[in-house]
Protein backbone atom coordinates (compact mmCIF):
# COMPACT_ATOMS: atom_id res chain seq x y z
CA MET A 1 0.07 -0.16 -0.27
CA ALA A 2 1.33 3.67 -0.76
CA ILE A 3 -1.71 6.31 0.04
CA GLN A 4 0.81 9.68 0.84
CA SER A 5 -2.12 11.55 2.77
CA ASN A 6 -2.05 14.77 4.24
CA ALA A 7 -3.94 16.07 7.28
CA SER A 8 -7.51 17.05 6.15
CA ASN A 9 -6.97 21.11 6.94
CA GLN A 10 -4.53 21.27 4.60
CA GLU A 11 -4.88 22.03 0.85
CA VAL A 12 -3.01 20.32 -1.89
CA VAL A 13 -5.67 20.49 -4.67
CA GLY A 14 -4.44 23.55 -7.26
CA GLY A 15 -7.16 25.81 -8.39
CA ILE A 16 -7.38 29.39 -8.88
CA ARG A 17 -8.06 32.19 -6.40
CA THR A 18 -10.38 34.91 -7.28
CA TYR A 19 -11.45 37.59 -5.65
CA SER A 20 -14.11 40.39 -5.98
CA GLY A 21 -15.46 43.55 -4.96
CA LEU A 22 -14.40 47.32 -4.55
CA THR A 23 -10.10 47.80 -3.79
CA ASN A 24 -7.71 50.44 -4.70
CA VAL A 25 -5.06 49.80 -7.28
CA LYS A 26 -2.01 51.02 -8.81
CA VAL A 27 -1.57 51.24 -12.87
CA MET A 28 1.91 49.16 -13.36
CA ALA A 29 1.72 48.54 -16.93
CA VAL A 30 0.42 49.72 -20.91
CA ASN A 31 0.00 47.40 -23.57
CA PRO A 32 3.05 45.34 -22.01
CA THR A 33 5.52 43.41 -23.70
CA MET A 34 5.82 39.43 -22.74
CA ALA A 35 9.31 40.33 -21.26
CA GLU A 36 7.75 43.63 -19.36
CA LEU A 37 4.92 40.61 -18.08
CA HIS A 38 7.40 38.07 -17.02
CA ALA A 39 9.24 40.94 -14.80
CA MET A 40 5.97 41.38 -13.63
CA ASP A 41 5.85 38.07 -12.80
CA ILE A 42 3.14 37.41 -14.88
CA ASN A 43 3.92 33.80 -16.99
CA VAL A 44 2.61 34.22 -21.12
CA LYS A 45 4.00 32.32 -23.31
CA SER A 46 3.97 34.97 -26.17
CA GLU A 47 4.13 38.17 -26.90
CA PRO A 48 0.50 39.65 -26.42
CA ASN A 49 -1.78 41.09 -28.87
CA TYR A 50 -2.93 44.36 -28.56
CA THR A 51 -5.94 43.97 -31.47
CA VAL A 52 -9.10 42.19 -31.55
CA THR A 53 -12.16 41.57 -34.33
CA MET A 54 -14.95 41.16 -33.14
CA GLY A 55 -17.98 40.68 -35.97
CA ASP A 56 -16.64 42.88 -38.22
CA GLU A 57 -14.94 45.68 -36.56
CA ASP A 58 -11.64 45.55 -35.65
CA TYR A 59 -10.26 47.46 -31.95
CA ASN A 60 -6.75 48.13 -30.40
CA LYS A 61 -6.75 47.18 -27.02
CA ILE A 62 -5.75 49.50 -24.39
CA VAL A 63 -4.94 47.19 -21.61
CA PHE A 64 -3.77 48.58 -18.21
CA TRP A 65 -2.20 45.57 -15.68
CA LEU A 66 -3.20 47.28 -12.05
CA ALA A 67 -2.15 45.57 -9.38
CA ASN A 68 -3.26 45.34 -5.39
CA THR A 69 -1.39 43.02 -2.22
CA ASP A 70 -3.47 39.94 -3.48
CA GLY A 71 -2.79 40.05 -7.18
CA ASN A 72 -2.30 41.59 -10.79
CA PHE A 73 -5.67 42.04 -12.58
CA LYS A 74 -6.31 43.53 -16.01
CA LEU A 75 -8.25 46.27 -17.27
CA GLU A 76 -8.79 46.76 -21.48
CA ILE A 77 -10.52 49.45 -23.15
CA LEU A 78 -11.24 48.78 -26.77
CA MET A 79 -11.02 51.27 -29.18
CA GLN A 80 -11.60 52.62 -33.05
CA THR A 81 -9.66 54.87 -34.55
CA LYS A 82 -13.39 56.15 -35.99
CA ALA A 83 -16.11 58.50 -34.26
CA ARG A 84 -18.90 56.67 -31.97
CA VAL A 85 -21.53 56.77 -33.18
CA SER A 86 -25.18 56.20 -31.29
CA GLN A 87 -28.00 53.84 -33.20
CA THR A 88 -29.82 57.49 -34.28
CA GLY A 89 -27.10 59.41 -36.41
CA LYS A 90 -25.79 61.51 -33.29
CA HIS A 91 -22.20 61.86 -32.39
CA GLN A 92 -20.86 61.77 -29.29
CA TRP A 93 -18.52 64.31 -28.17
CA MET A 94 -15.77 65.27 -25.60
CA ASN A 95 -14.19 68.48 -24.97
CA ASN A 96 -10.35 69.17 -22.96
CA ILE A 97 -11.61 68.91 -19.12
CA GLY A 98 -13.04 65.83 -20.44
CA GLN A 99 -16.53 66.50 -20.76
CA SER A 100 -19.13 64.08 -22.83
CA THR A 101 -22.07 64.15 -24.47
CA TRP A 102 -24.32 63.44 -27.45
CA SER A 103 -25.45 65.49 -30.58
CA GLU A 104 -25.37 65.55 -34.05
CA ASP A 105 -24.03 68.82 -34.02
CA ALA A 106 -21.14 70.48 -32.25
CA PRO A 107 -22.85 70.73 -28.36
CA SER A 108 -24.19 74.48 -27.70
CA TYR A 109 -25.42 73.82 -23.92
CA ASP A 110 -25.28 76.25 -21.40
CA TRP A 111 -22.57 73.93 -18.76
CA TRP A 112 -20.92 72.53 -22.44
CA LYS A 113 -17.06 73.93 -22.46
CA ALA A 114 -16.49 74.08 -26.10
CA GLU A 115 -12.99 74.57 -25.69
CA GLY A 116 -11.20 71.29 -27.48
CA GLN A 117 -14.90 70.25 -28.85
CA ARG A 118 -14.34 67.34 -30.96
CA LYS A 119 -16.12 63.92 -32.16
CA ALA A 120 -15.13 61.09 -29.60
CA PHE A 121 -13.72 57.68 -30.87
CA THR A 122 -14.77 54.88 -29.81
CA GLY A 123 -13.56 54.35 -26.06
CA GLU A 124 -12.22 57.39 -25.53
CA GLU A 125 -14.50 58.12 -23.01
CA THR A 126 -13.54 54.86 -20.84
CA LEU A 127 -10.33 55.90 -20.97
CA ILE A 128 -10.18 59.55 -19.99
CA ASN A 129 -12.66 58.71 -16.92
CA PHE A 130 -9.74 56.14 -16.14
CA VAL A 131 -7.15 58.52 -16.53
CA LYS A 132 -9.02 61.21 -14.81
CA ALA A 133 -9.65 59.05 -11.24
CA TRP A 134 -6.28 57.71 -11.88
CA ALA A 135 -4.70 60.99 -12.24
CA ASN A 136 -6.71 61.87 -9.25
CA VAL A 137 -8.13 65.31 -12.06
CA ALA A 138 -9.95 68.38 -10.13
CA SER A 139 -13.42 68.86 -11.91
CA GLY A 140 -13.29 71.40 -14.14
CA ASP A 141 -9.14 70.74 -14.88
CA ASN A 142 -7.61 69.90 -18.16
CA VAL A 143 -7.60 65.75 -18.93
CA TYR A 144 -6.85 64.80 -22.26
CA PHE A 145 -4.40 63.71 -24.57
CA ASP A 146 -2.20 65.30 -27.80
CA THR A 147 -1.97 62.30 -29.69
CA MET A 148 -5.97 60.92 -28.90
CA PRO A 149 -5.93 59.61 -32.76
CA ALA A 150 -2.15 57.79 -32.43
CA ILE A 151 -3.48 55.86 -29.48
CA ALA A 152 -7.30 55.47 -31.09
CA GLY A 153 -4.81 53.17 -33.36
CA GLY A 154 -3.19 51.57 -30.98
CA ASN A 155 -0.07 53.85 -30.23
CA VAL A 156 0.23 53.91 -26.16
CA THR A 157 3.08 56.31 -26.25
CA GLU A 158 1.90 58.90 -24.44
CA ILE A 159 -0.31 57.31 -21.47
CA LYS A 160 2.95 55.07 -21.11
CA ALA A 161 4.65 58.41 -19.93
CA LEU A 162 1.98 58.41 -16.91
CA LEU A 163 3.62 55.63 -15.29
CA ASN A 164 6.33 57.78 -14.11
CA SER A 165 4.17 60.61 -13.34
CA LEU A 166 1.47 58.91 -11.69
CA SER A 167 3.92 55.99 -9.74
CA ASN A 168 2.53 56.46 -6.16
CA ASN A 169 -0.99 57.12 -7.49
CA GLU A 170 -3.92 54.85 -6.96
CA VAL A 171 -7.10 53.98 -8.77
CA ARG A 172 -10.20 52.73 -6.91
CA VAL A 173 -12.42 50.03 -8.24
CA LEU A 174 -14.39 47.39 -9.23
CA ILE A 175 -13.13 43.67 -9.98
CA GLY A 176 -15.82 40.72 -10.69
CA VAL A 177 -14.95 37.01 -12.17
CA LYS A 178 -16.01 35.71 -15.20
CA ASP A 179 -16.95 32.01 -16.09
CA ASP A 180 -15.16 30.77 -12.34
CA LYS A 181 -12.08 31.86 -13.31
CA TYR A 182 -11.42 35.26 -15.19
CA GLN A 183 -11.08 38.36 -13.73
CA GLN A 184 -12.90 41.84 -15.13
CA VAL A 185 -12.58 45.42 -13.74
CA TYR A 186 -15.80 47.31 -14.34
CA THR A 187 -15.02 49.95 -17.03
CA LYS A 188 -18.65 52.03 -16.11
CA TYR A 189 -17.15 53.96 -13.56
CA PHE A 190 -13.31 54.43 -11.93
CA GLY A 191 -13.37 56.20 -7.90
CA ARG A 192 -10.89 58.20 -6.23
CA ILE A 193 -9.25 57.42 -3.38
CA LYS A 194 -10.18 60.65 -1.54
CA PRO A 195 -13.64 60.68 -1.11
CA GLN A 196 -14.27 57.63 -1.40
CA ARG A 197 -17.48 57.57 -3.17
CA ASP A 198 -18.58 53.93 -2.96
CA ASP A 199 -22.06 55.01 -3.22
CA LEU A 200 -21.57 56.18 -7.03
CA PHE A 201 -20.65 52.22 -8.50
CA ILE A 202 -24.16 51.37 -6.94
CA LYS A 203 -25.03 54.00 -9.05
CA ALA A 204 -23.75 53.16 -12.14
CA LEU A 205 -24.61 49.49 -11.47
CA ASN A 206 -28.20 50.94 -11.46
CA ASP A 207 -28.38 52.67 -14.87
CA ASP A 208 -29.78 51.41 -17.78
CA TYR A 209 -26.24 50.76 -19.33
CA GLY A 210 -23.96 49.88 -16.60
CA GLN A 211 -24.23 46.69 -16.06
CA PHE A 212 -21.30 44.21 -15.27
CA ASN A 213 -20.92 41.33 -17.16
CA ALA A 214 -18.92 39.58 -13.95
CA ASP A 215 -20.01 37.79 -10.94
CA PHE A 216 -19.05 40.02 -7.19
CA ASN A 217 -19.70 39.22 -3.96
CA ALA A 218 -22.70 41.23 -2.99
CA ASP A 219 -21.40 43.58 -0.53
CA LEU A 220 -18.82 45.19 -2.99
CA LYS A 221 -16.51 44.17 0.28
CA TRP A 222 -13.22 42.72 -1.40
CA GLY A 223 -11.80 39.36 -0.81
CA PRO A 224 -11.89 36.02 -1.94
CA HIS A 225 -14.62 35.81 -4.29
CA VAL A 226 -17.93 33.35 -3.13
CA SER A 227 -19.59 32.96 -5.92
CA SER A 228 -23.21 33.13 -6.64
CA ALA A 229 -24.60 30.81 -8.38
CA GLU A 230 -27.44 28.95 -7.60
CA LEU A 231 -28.05 25.25 -7.05
CA VAL A 232 -30.19 23.64 -10.09
CA LYS A 233 -33.71 22.23 -9.19
CA PRO A 234 -34.80 18.65 -9.91
CA ASP A 235 -36.69 18.21 -12.91
CA SER A 236 -39.03 15.90 -11.53
CA PRO A 237 -41.23 16.64 -9.27
CA ASP A 238 -41.83 13.24 -7.68
CA THR A 239 -38.78 14.13 -5.08
CA ILE A 240 -38.90 12.36 -2.14
CA SER A 241 -38.49 14.29 1.08
CA GLU A 242 -36.93 13.42 4.06
CA ASP A 243 -39.48 13.98 6.41
CA GLU A 244 -42.04 11.53 4.05
CA ASP A 245 -42.19 7.32 4.86
CA TRP A 246 -39.30 6.32 2.57
CA THR A 247 -40.82 2.10 3.22
CA SER A 248 -42.37 0.85 -0.10
CA GLN A 249 -46.37 0.90 -0.19
CA PRO A 250 -46.94 -3.06 -0.36
CA ALA A 251 -48.51 -3.74 -3.66
CA THR A 252 -51.86 -4.46 -4.48
CA VAL A 253 -53.53 -7.70 -4.85
CA GLY A 254 -54.95 -8.37 -7.97
CA SER A 255 -55.30 -10.88 -10.57
CA ASN A 256 -51.49 -9.79 -12.72
CA SER A 257 -50.12 -9.42 -9.27
CA GLU A 258 -47.10 -11.39 -7.78
CA ALA A 259 -49.25 -12.09 -5.17
CA ASP A 260 -51.88 -15.17 -7.50
CA ASP A 261 -48.59 -17.27 -7.45
CA LEU A 262 -48.44 -16.60 -3.23
CA PRO A 263 -48.75 -20.21 -1.12
CA PHE A 264 -51.44 -18.19 0.83
């Protein structure tokens, strides 16, 4: 006999440890190479591909690697070099202070600041909102890139420059789990460290277009992920309850019963 046993409270079977909830993270890399990922102890076997095709559309991926004391997490923003247009034909517009709105022509709202107004690229709003929270930009201050057309095309040189100037900054994010193993970062809202407004994450999640396509701890507290999956109920309605008498019912004696053959 050969049985290499272990104590029952010792974890010996490997698995994917996942986390979810709200957490503060630092930005470690932007579209890193394979060598840069290896330096972060992220083992990949080939150079990352920062383009993807979905349906008939091609996108460039802006990938931020985020980290806290529990691990590394990947935020992906999909961008295109064409303007973002709604189903009704309106363009999304942005300006130099990170405001965004929808309009067929240049916006003329009282609250709108015209400086630097432009038709936004697909994914630009998400990128600006993330950088605004990461850089802790004050309301009304500038937050724009000089090379946005190049960034939308996959050139992240200008974004990478922020890694040094913002090396001590943190951003608050909501992280979830997809398919029980893939970590995902919520992209509809990014929080600041101060003031810590976690209620704004809840507001974003409840918006019409704020759904998070991942599972996360219901109380939003950071920690090992606890799946919210529900048990599947049996199809049969004839399941025996623990409270029922499990004794088999006697067969009814009749002309076709085995009892006809009994000697009494």
